PDB file of N, CA and C in Angstrom:
ATOM      1  N   UNK A   1      68.653 146.232 -52.057  1.00  0.00           N
ATOM      2  CA  UNK A   1      69.907 146.765 -51.614  1.00  0.00           C
ATOM      3  C   UNK A   1      70.286 146.552 -49.732  1.00  0.00           C
ATOM      4  N   UNK A   2      70.971 145.310 -49.828  1.00  0.00           N
ATOM      5  CA  UNK A   2      70.795 145.091 -48.447  1.00  0.00           C
ATOM      6  C   UNK A   2      72.442 144.923 -47.903  1.00  0.00           C
ATOM      7  N   UNK A   3      72.526 145.424 -46.393  1.00  0.00           N
ATOM      8  CA  UNK A   3      73.251 145.870 -45.462  1.00  0.00           C
ATOM      9  C   UNK A   3      74.040 144.916 -44.617  1.00  0.00           C
ATOM     10  N   UNK A   4      75.128 144.096 -44.865  1.00  0.00           N
ATOM     11  CA  UNK A   4      75.062 143.144 -43.831  1.00  0.00           C
ATOM     12  C   UNK A   4      76.390 143.529 -42.623  1.00  0.00           C
ATOM     13  N   UNK A   5      76.373 142.933 -41.349  1.00  0.00           N
ATOM     14  CA  UNK A   5      77.160 143.232 -40.821  1.00  0.00           C
ATOM     15  C   UNK A   5      78.474 142.388 -40.433  1.00  0.00           C
ATOM     16  N   UNK A   6      79.899 142.661 -39.799  1.00  0.00           N
ATOM     17  CA  UNK A   6      81.243 141.682 -40.184  1.00  0.00           C
ATOM     18  C   UNK A   6      81.716 142.228 -38.693  1.00  0.00           C
ATOM     19  N   UNK A   7      82.124 140.806 -38.434  1.00  0.00           N
ATOM     20  CA  UNK A   7      83.236 141.572 -37.838  1.00  0.00           C
ATOM     21  C   UNK A   7      84.947 140.841 -38.391  1.00  0.00           C
ATOM     22  N   UNK A   8      85.868 141.571 -37.226  1.00  0.00           N
ATOM     23  CA  UNK A   8      86.795 140.741 -38.418  1.00  0.00           C
ATOM     24  C   UNK A   8      87.694 140.406 -37.007  1.00  0.00           C
ATOM     25  N   UNK A   9      88.302 138.932 -36.998  1.00  0.00           N
ATOM     26  CA  UNK A   9      89.090 138.197 -36.724  1.00  0.00           C
ATOM     27  C   UNK A   9      90.004 137.902 -35.984  1.00  0.00           C
ATOM     28  N   UNK A  10      90.400 139.142 -35.897  1.00  0.00           N
ATOM     29  CA  UNK A  10      92.565 140.175 -35.759  1.00  0.00           C
ATOM     30  C   UNK A  10      91.694 140.989 -34.777  1.00  0.00           C
ATOM     31  N   UNK A  11      90.880 141.874 -35.310  1.00  0.00           N
ATOM     32  CA  UNK A  11      90.580 143.570 -34.057  1.00  0.00           C
ATOM     33  C   UNK A  11      89.646 143.013 -33.587  1.00  0.00           C
ATOM     34  N   UNK A  12      88.309 142.847 -33.583  1.00  0.00           N
ATOM     35  CA  UNK A  12      87.095 142.178 -33.383  1.00  0.00           C
ATOM     36  C   UNK A  12      86.275 143.391 -33.611  1.00  0.00           C
ATOM     37  N   UNK A  13      86.922 144.564 -34.705  1.00  0.00           N
ATOM     38  CA  UNK A  13      85.793 145.698 -35.549  1.00  0.00           C
ATOM     39  C   UNK A  13      85.053 144.969 -35.319  1.00  0.00           C
ATOM     40  N   UNK A  14      83.894 145.660 -35.627  1.00  0.00           N
ATOM     41  CA  UNK A  14      82.403 144.954 -36.201  1.00  0.00           C
ATOM     42  C   UNK A  14      81.876 146.189 -37.638  1.00  0.00           C
ATOM     43  N   UNK A  15      81.684 146.390 -38.408  1.00  0.00           N
ATOM     44  CA  UNK A  15      81.800 147.206 -39.634  1.00  0.00           C
ATOM     45  C   UNK A  15      80.753 146.478 -40.471  1.00  0.00           C
ATOM     46  N   UNK A  16      80.043 147.091 -41.018  1.00  0.00           N
ATOM     47  CA  UNK A  16      78.870 146.841 -42.429  1.00  0.00           C
ATOM     48  C   UNK A  16      79.170 147.174 -43.840  1.00  0.00           C
ATOM     49  N   UNK A  17      78.926 146.558 -44.326  1.00  0.00           N
ATOM     50  CA  UNK A  17      79.036 146.596 -46.096  1.00  0.00           C
ATOM     51  C   UNK A  17      77.630 146.267 -46.873  1.00  0.00           C
ATOM     52  N   UNK A  18      77.605 147.415 -47.820  1.00  0.00           N
ATOM     53  CA  UNK A  18      76.124 147.402 -48.666  1.00  0.00           C
ATOM     54  C   UNK A  18      76.601 146.627 -49.795  1.00  0.00           C
ATOM     55  N   UNK A  19      75.683 145.617 -49.850  1.00  0.00           N
ATOM     56  CA  UNK A  19      75.888 144.720 -51.167  1.00  0.00           C
ATOM     57  C   UNK A  19      75.334 145.542 -52.500  1.00  0.00           C
ATOM     58  N   UNK A  20      75.138 146.241 -53.740  1.00  0.00           N
ATOM     59  CA  UNK A  20      74.416 146.911 -54.747  1.00  0.00           C
ATOM     60  C   UNK A  20      73.887 145.670 -55.860  1.00  0.00           C
ATOM     61  N   UNK A  21      74.315 144.755 -55.613  1.00  0.00           N
ATOM     62  CA  UNK A  21      74.250 143.625 -56.427  1.00  0.00           C
ATOM     63  C   UNK A  21      74.914 142.013 -56.516  1.00  0.00           C
ATOM     64  N   UNK A  22      74.120 141.108 -56.687  1.00  0.00           N
ATOM     65  CA  UNK A  22      74.895 139.892 -57.365  1.00  0.00           C
ATOM     66  C   UNK A  22      76.400 139.556 -57.202  1.00  0.00           C
ATOM     67  N   UNK A  23      76.360 140.321 -58.517  1.00  0.00           N
ATOM     68  CA  UNK A  23      77.897 140.695 -59.692  1.00  0.00           C
ATOM     69  C   UNK A  23      79.021 141.738 -59.228  1.00  0.00           C
ATOM     70  N   UNK A  24      78.598 142.696 -58.090  1.00  0.00           N
ATOM     71  CA  UNK A  24      79.529 143.611 -57.891  1.00  0.00           C
ATOM     72  C   UNK A  24      80.566 142.823 -57.179  1.00  0.00           C
ATOM     73  N   UNK A  25      81.580 143.387 -57.263  1.00  0.00           N
ATOM     74  CA  UNK A  25      82.714 143.003 -56.841  1.00  0.00           C
ATOM     75  C   UNK A  25      82.962 144.266 -55.299  1.00  0.00           C
ATOM     76  N   UNK A  26      83.396 143.549 -54.137  1.00  0.00           N
ATOM     77  CA  UNK A  26      83.363 143.989 -52.689  1.00  0.00           C
ATOM     78  C   UNK A  26      84.277 143.675 -52.148  1.00  0.00           C
ATOM     79  N   UNK A  27      84.998 144.652 -51.165  1.00  0.00           N
ATOM     80  CA  UNK A  27      86.394 144.678 -50.409  1.00  0.00           C
ATOM     81  C   UNK A  27      86.036 143.922 -49.515  1.00  0.00           C
ATOM     82  N   UNK A  28      86.344 142.816 -49.667  1.00  0.00           N
ATOM     83  CA  UNK A  28      85.778 142.212 -47.965  1.00  0.00           C
ATOM     84  C   UNK A  28      87.178 142.443 -46.811  1.00  0.00           C
ATOM     85  N   UNK A  29      87.657 143.050 -47.019  1.00  0.00           N
ATOM     86  CA  UNK A  29      88.952 143.247 -45.200  1.00  0.00           C
ATOM     87  C   UNK A  29      88.463 144.432 -44.322  1.00  0.00           C
ATOM     88  N   UNK A  30      88.604 143.776 -43.131  1.00  0.00           N
ATOM     89  CA  UNK A  30      88.704 144.873 -42.330  1.00  0.00           C
ATOM     90  C   UNK A  30      88.893 146.630 -42.981  1.00  0.00           C
ATOM     91  N   UNK A  31      87.714 147.874 -42.734  1.00  0.00           N
ATOM     92  CA  UNK A  31      88.141 148.989 -42.209  1.00  0.00           C
ATOM     93  C   UNK A  31      89.676 149.397 -41.535  1.00  0.00           C
ATOM     94  N   UNK A  32      89.464 148.707 -41.021  1.00  0.00           N
ATOM     95  CA  UNK A  32      90.566 148.824 -39.763  1.00  0.00           C
ATOM     96  C   UNK A  32      92.039 148.325 -39.776  1.00  0.00           C
ATOM     97  N   UNK A  33      92.121 146.902 -40.098  1.00  0.00           N
ATOM     98  CA  UNK A  33      93.679 146.563 -39.837  1.00  0.00           C
ATOM     99  C   UNK A  33      93.913 146.050 -41.993  1.00  0.00           C
ATOM    100  N   UNK A  34      92.704 146.329 -42.341  1.00  0.00           N
ATOM    101  CA  UNK A  34      92.983 145.071 -43.557  1.00  0.00           C
ATOM    102  C   UNK A  34      93.063 144.196 -43.490  1.00  0.00           C
ATOM    103  N   UNK A  35      92.563 143.542 -42.754  1.00  0.00           N
ATOM    104  CA  UNK A  35      92.676 141.676 -42.298  1.00  0.00           C
ATOM    105  C   UNK A  35      91.883 141.555 -42.783  1.00  0.00           C
ATOM    106  N   UNK A  36      91.746 140.195 -43.458  1.00  0.00           N
ATOM    107  CA  UNK A  36      90.269 139.168 -44.620  1.00  0.00           C
ATOM    108  C   UNK A  36      89.890 138.389 -43.278  1.00  0.00           C
ATOM    109  N   UNK A  37      90.543 137.987 -42.370  1.00  0.00           N
ATOM    110  CA  UNK A  37      89.625 137.056 -41.269  1.00  0.00           C
ATOM    111  C   UNK A  37      88.684 137.632 -41.094  1.00  0.00           C
ATOM    112  N   UNK A  38      87.410 137.950 -41.685  1.00  0.00           N
ATOM    113  CA  UNK A  38      85.992 138.273 -41.632  1.00  0.00           C
ATOM    114  C   UNK A  38      85.086 136.966 -41.165  1.00  0.00           C
ATOM    115  N   UNK A  39      84.330 137.427 -40.092  1.00  0.00           N
ATOM    116  CA  UNK A  39      82.836 136.293 -40.302  1.00  0.00           C
ATOM    117  C   UNK A  39      81.472 137.888 -40.484  1.00  0.00           C
ATOM    118  N   UNK A  40      80.427 137.333 -40.845  1.00  0.00           N
ATOM    119  CA  UNK A  40      79.003 138.074 -40.966  1.00  0.00           C
ATOM    120  C   UNK A  40      79.164 137.998 -39.607  1.00  0.00           C
ATOM    121  N   UNK A  41      78.322 138.651 -38.805  1.00  0.00           N
ATOM    122  CA  UNK A  41      77.364 138.396 -37.689  1.00  0.00           C
ATOM    123  C   UNK A  41      75.974 138.723 -37.904  1.00  0.00           C
ATOM    124  N   UNK A  42      74.964 138.039 -36.753  1.00  0.00           N
ATOM    125  CA  UNK A  42      73.794 138.651 -37.110  1.00  0.00           C
ATOM    126  C   UNK A  42      73.327 139.965 -36.459  1.00  0.00           C
ATOM    127  N   UNK A  43      72.803 140.946 -37.470  1.00  0.00           N
ATOM    128  CA  UNK A  43      72.731 142.629 -36.758  1.00  0.00           C
ATOM    129  C   UNK A  43      71.309 142.504 -36.036  1.00  0.00           C
ATOM    130  N   UNK A  44      71.491 143.075 -35.188  1.00  0.00           N
ATOM    131  CA  UNK A  44      70.054 143.319 -34.422  1.00  0.00           C
ATOM    132  C   UNK A  44      69.333 144.242 -34.723  1.00  0.00           C
ATOM    133  N   UNK A  45      67.969 144.652 -34.301  1.00  0.00           N
ATOM    134  CA  UNK A  45      66.642 144.809 -35.287  1.00  0.00           C
ATOM    135  C   UNK A  45      66.123 146.127 -34.648  1.00  0.00           C
ATOM    136  N   UNK A  46      65.642 146.889 -34.615  1.00  0.00           N
ATOM    137  CA  UNK A  46      65.234 147.786 -34.018  1.00  0.00           C
ATOM    138  C   UNK A  46      63.368 147.900 -33.736  1.00  0.00           C
ATOM    139  N   UNK A  47      62.970 147.066 -33.089  1.00  0.00           N
ATOM    140  CA  UNK A  47      61.831 146.484 -33.758  1.00  0.00           C
ATOM    141  C   UNK A  47      61.229 146.526 -31.919  1.00  0.00           C
ATOM    142  N   UNK A  48      59.976 146.706 -32.077  1.00  0.00           N
ATOM    143  CA  UNK A  48      59.598 146.685 -30.408  1.00  0.00           C
ATOM    144  C   UNK A  48      57.735 146.488 -31.099  1.00  0.00           C
ATOM    145  N   UNK A  49      57.252 145.642 -29.813  1.00  0.00           N
ATOM    146  CA  UNK A  49      55.692 145.584 -29.577  1.00  0.00           C
ATOM    147  C   UNK A  49      55.518 146.832 -28.831  1.00  0.00           C
ATOM    148  N   UNK A  50      54.255 147.373 -28.651  1.00  0.00           N
ATOM    149  CA  UNK A  50      53.986 148.562 -27.175  1.00  0.00           C
ATOM    150  C   UNK A  50      52.960 149.417 -27.491  1.00  0.00           C
ATOM    151  N   UNK A  51      53.023 149.597 -26.200  1.00  0.00           N
ATOM    152  CA  UNK A  51      51.911 150.461 -26.312  1.00  0.00           C
ATOM    153  C   UNK A  51      52.499 151.713 -27.059  1.00  0.00           C
ATOM    154  N   UNK A  52      51.514 153.035 -28.239  1.00  0.00           N
ATOM    155  CA  UNK A  52      52.029 153.867 -28.626  1.00  0.00           C
ATOM    156  C   UNK A  52      52.447 155.330 -27.891  1.00  0.00           C
ATOM    157  N   UNK A  53      52.138 156.561 -28.985  1.00  0.00           N
ATOM    158  CA  UNK A  53      51.433 157.765 -28.408  1.00  0.00           C
ATOM    159  C   UNK A  53      50.478 157.749 -26.927  1.00  0.00           C
ATOM    160  N   UNK A  54      50.251 158.090 -26.276  1.00  0.00           N
ATOM    161  CA  UNK A  54      49.473 158.356 -25.121  1.00  0.00           C
ATOM    162  C   UNK A  54      48.757 157.087 -24.407  1.00  0.00           C
ATOM    163  N   UNK A  55      49.346 156.180 -24.934  1.00  0.00           N
ATOM    164  CA  UNK A  55      49.552 154.785 -23.647  1.00  0.00           C
ATOM    165  C   UNK A  55      48.411 154.058 -24.856  1.00  0.00           C
ATOM    166  N   UNK A  56      47.494 153.754 -25.561  1.00  0.00           N
ATOM    167  CA  UNK A  56      46.985 153.726 -26.393  1.00  0.00           C
ATOM    168  C   UNK A  56      47.613 152.183 -27.899  1.00  0.00           C
ATOM    169  N   UNK A  57      47.417 151.096 -27.537  1.00  0.00           N
ATOM    170  CA  UNK A  57      47.688 150.198 -28.211  1.00  0.00           C
ATOM    171  C   UNK A  57      46.991 149.441 -29.116  1.00  0.00           C
ATOM    172  N   UNK A  58      47.343 148.973 -30.354  1.00  0.00           N
ATOM    173  CA  UNK A  58      46.328 148.766 -30.848  1.00  0.00           C
ATOM    174  C   UNK A  58      46.317 147.151 -30.292  1.00  0.00           C
ATOM    175  N   UNK A  59      44.948 146.482 -30.773  1.00  0.00           N
ATOM    176  CA  UNK A  59      44.663 145.485 -30.671  1.00  0.00           C
ATOM    177  C   UNK A  59      43.719 144.612 -31.677  1.00  0.00           C
ATOM    178  N   UNK A  60      44.473 143.257 -31.793  1.00  0.00           N
ATOM    179  CA  UNK A  60      42.814 142.383 -32.419  1.00  0.00           C
ATOM    180  C   UNK A  60      42.073 141.318 -30.892  1.00  0.00           C
ATOM    181  N   UNK A  61      40.572 141.792 -30.829  1.00  0.00           N
ATOM    182  CA  UNK A  61      39.379 140.960 -30.375  1.00  0.00           C
ATOM    183  C   UNK A  61      39.373 140.493 -31.087  1.00  0.00           C
ATOM    184  N   UNK A  62      38.953 139.099 -30.819  1.00  0.00           N
ATOM    185  CA  UNK A  62      38.429 137.375 -31.039  1.00  0.00           C
ATOM    186  C   UNK A  62      38.092 137.276 -29.768  1.00  0.00           C
ATOM    187  N   UNK A  63      36.320 137.114 -30.369  1.00  0.00           N
ATOM    188  CA  UNK A  63      35.274 136.015 -29.681  1.00  0.00           C
ATOM    189  C   UNK A  63      35.539 134.954 -29.887  1.00  0.00           C
ATOM    190  N   UNK A  64      34.979 133.763 -29.179  1.00  0.00           N
ATOM    191  CA  UNK A  64      35.003 132.905 -29.288  1.00  0.00           C
ATOM    192  C   UNK A  64      33.942 131.985 -28.114  1.00  0.00           C
ATOM    193  N   UNK A  65      32.597 131.482 -28.673  1.00  0.00           N
ATOM    194  CA  UNK A  65      31.380 130.402 -27.837  1.00  0.00           C
ATOM    195  C   UNK A  65      31.411 129.267 -28.008  1.00  0.00           C
ATOM    196  N   UNK A  66      31.419 128.784 -27.296  1.00  0.00           N
ATOM    197  CA  UNK A  66      31.602 126.608 -26.994  1.00  0.00           C
ATOM    198  C   UNK A  66      30.028 126.859 -27.452  1.00  0.00           C
ATOM    199  N   UNK A  67      29.725 125.336 -27.868  1.00  0.00           N
ATOM    200  CA  UNK A  67      28.143 124.572 -26.745  1.00  0.00           C
ATOM    201  C   UNK A  67      27.710 124.426 -25.862  1.00  0.00           C
ATOM    202  N   UNK A  68      28.598 125.007 -24.343  1.00  0.00           N
ATOM    203  CA  UNK A  68      27.889 125.159 -23.427  1.00  0.00           C
ATOM    204  C   UNK A  68      28.195 126.774 -22.704  1.00  0.00           C
ATOM    205  N   UNK A  69      27.615 127.784 -24.560  1.00  0.00           N
ATOM    206  CA  UNK A  69      27.557 129.057 -24.034  1.00  0.00           C
ATOM    207  C   UNK A  69      28.467 129.278 -23.317  1.00  0.00           C
ATOM    208  N   UNK A  70      29.389 129.270 -22.880  1.00  0.00           N
ATOM    209  CA  UNK A  70      30.185 130.405 -22.107  1.00  0.00           C
ATOM    210  C   UNK A  70      31.460 130.512 -23.383  1.00  0.00           C
ATOM    211  N   UNK A  71      31.690 131.965 -23.026  1.00  0.00           N
ATOM    212  CA  UNK A  71      32.690 132.697 -24.311  1.00  0.00           C
ATOM    213  C   UNK A  71      33.717 133.288 -23.625  1.00  0.00           C
ATOM    214  N   UNK A  72      35.196 133.418 -24.935  1.00  0.00           N
ATOM    215  CA  UNK A  72      35.947 133.806 -24.374  1.00  0.00           C
ATOM    216  C   UNK A  72      36.758 134.978 -25.256  1.00  0.00           C
ATOM    217  N   UNK A  73      37.018 136.183 -24.661  1.00  0.00           N
ATOM    218  CA  UNK A  73      37.494 137.072 -25.751  1.00  0.00           C
ATOM    219  C   UNK A  73      38.882 137.071 -25.671  1.00  0.00           C
ATOM    220  N   UNK A  74      39.487 137.105 -27.013  1.00  0.00           N
ATOM    221  CA  UNK A  74      41.297 137.383 -26.129  1.00  0.00           C
ATOM    222  C   UNK A  74      41.814 137.925 -27.798  1.00  0.00           C
ATOM    223  N   UNK A  75      42.808 139.538 -26.555  1.00  0.00           N
ATOM    224  CA  UNK A  75      42.902 140.806 -27.693  1.00  0.00           C
ATOM    225  C   UNK A  75      44.785 140.062 -27.105  1.00  0.00           C
ATOM    226  N   UNK A  76      44.794 140.051 -28.751  1.00  0.00           N
ATOM    227  CA  UNK A  76      46.079 140.436 -29.446  1.00  0.00           C
ATOM    228  C   UNK A  76      46.793 141.870 -29.842  1.00  0.00           C
ATOM    229  N   UNK A  77      47.602 141.525 -30.016  1.00  0.00           N
ATOM    230  CA  UNK A  77      49.076 143.184 -30.142  1.00  0.00           C
ATOM    231  C   UNK A  77      48.657 143.009 -31.630  1.00  0.00           C
ATOM    232  N   UNK A  78      48.653 144.348 -32.225  1.00  0.00           N
ATOM    233  CA  UNK A  78      48.122 144.599 -34.207  1.00  0.00           C
ATOM    234  C   UNK A  78      47.312 145.322 -34.391  1.00  0.00           C
ATOM    235  N   UNK A  79      47.368 145.746 -35.578  1.00  0.00           N
ATOM    236  CA  UNK A  79      46.227 147.487 -36.160  1.00  0.00           C
ATOM    237  C   UNK A  79      44.621 146.285 -36.208  1.00  0.00           C
ATOM    238  N   UNK A  80      43.978 147.317 -35.176  1.00  0.00           N
ATOM    239  CA  UNK A  80      43.114 147.370 -34.761  1.00  0.00           C
ATOM    240  C   UNK A  80      41.695 147.143 -36.279  1.00  0.00           C
ATOM    241  N   UNK A  81      41.096 146.126 -36.239  1.00  0.00           N
ATOM    242  CA  UNK A  81      40.261 146.226 -37.499  1.00  0.00           C
ATOM    243  C   UNK A  81      39.061 147.338 -37.685  1.00  0.00           C
TER     244      UNK A  81
END
């Protein structure tokens, strides 16, 4: 059940519509001014990567060594193994 955001070209109202199925008939008018001149907008997300509670940040460590006996460790954000 996707929720999409729309903006009315007539009054600049931004609103959401919930779509239950592809065959559902949905009222595609602005809830504020009832205009039919609406456009879909890109929704903002609520996702961030950063330190968790207590400052601990999960990570993946990858170590690689070359033929010259020099090694490099790369730490990436992500779940620890």
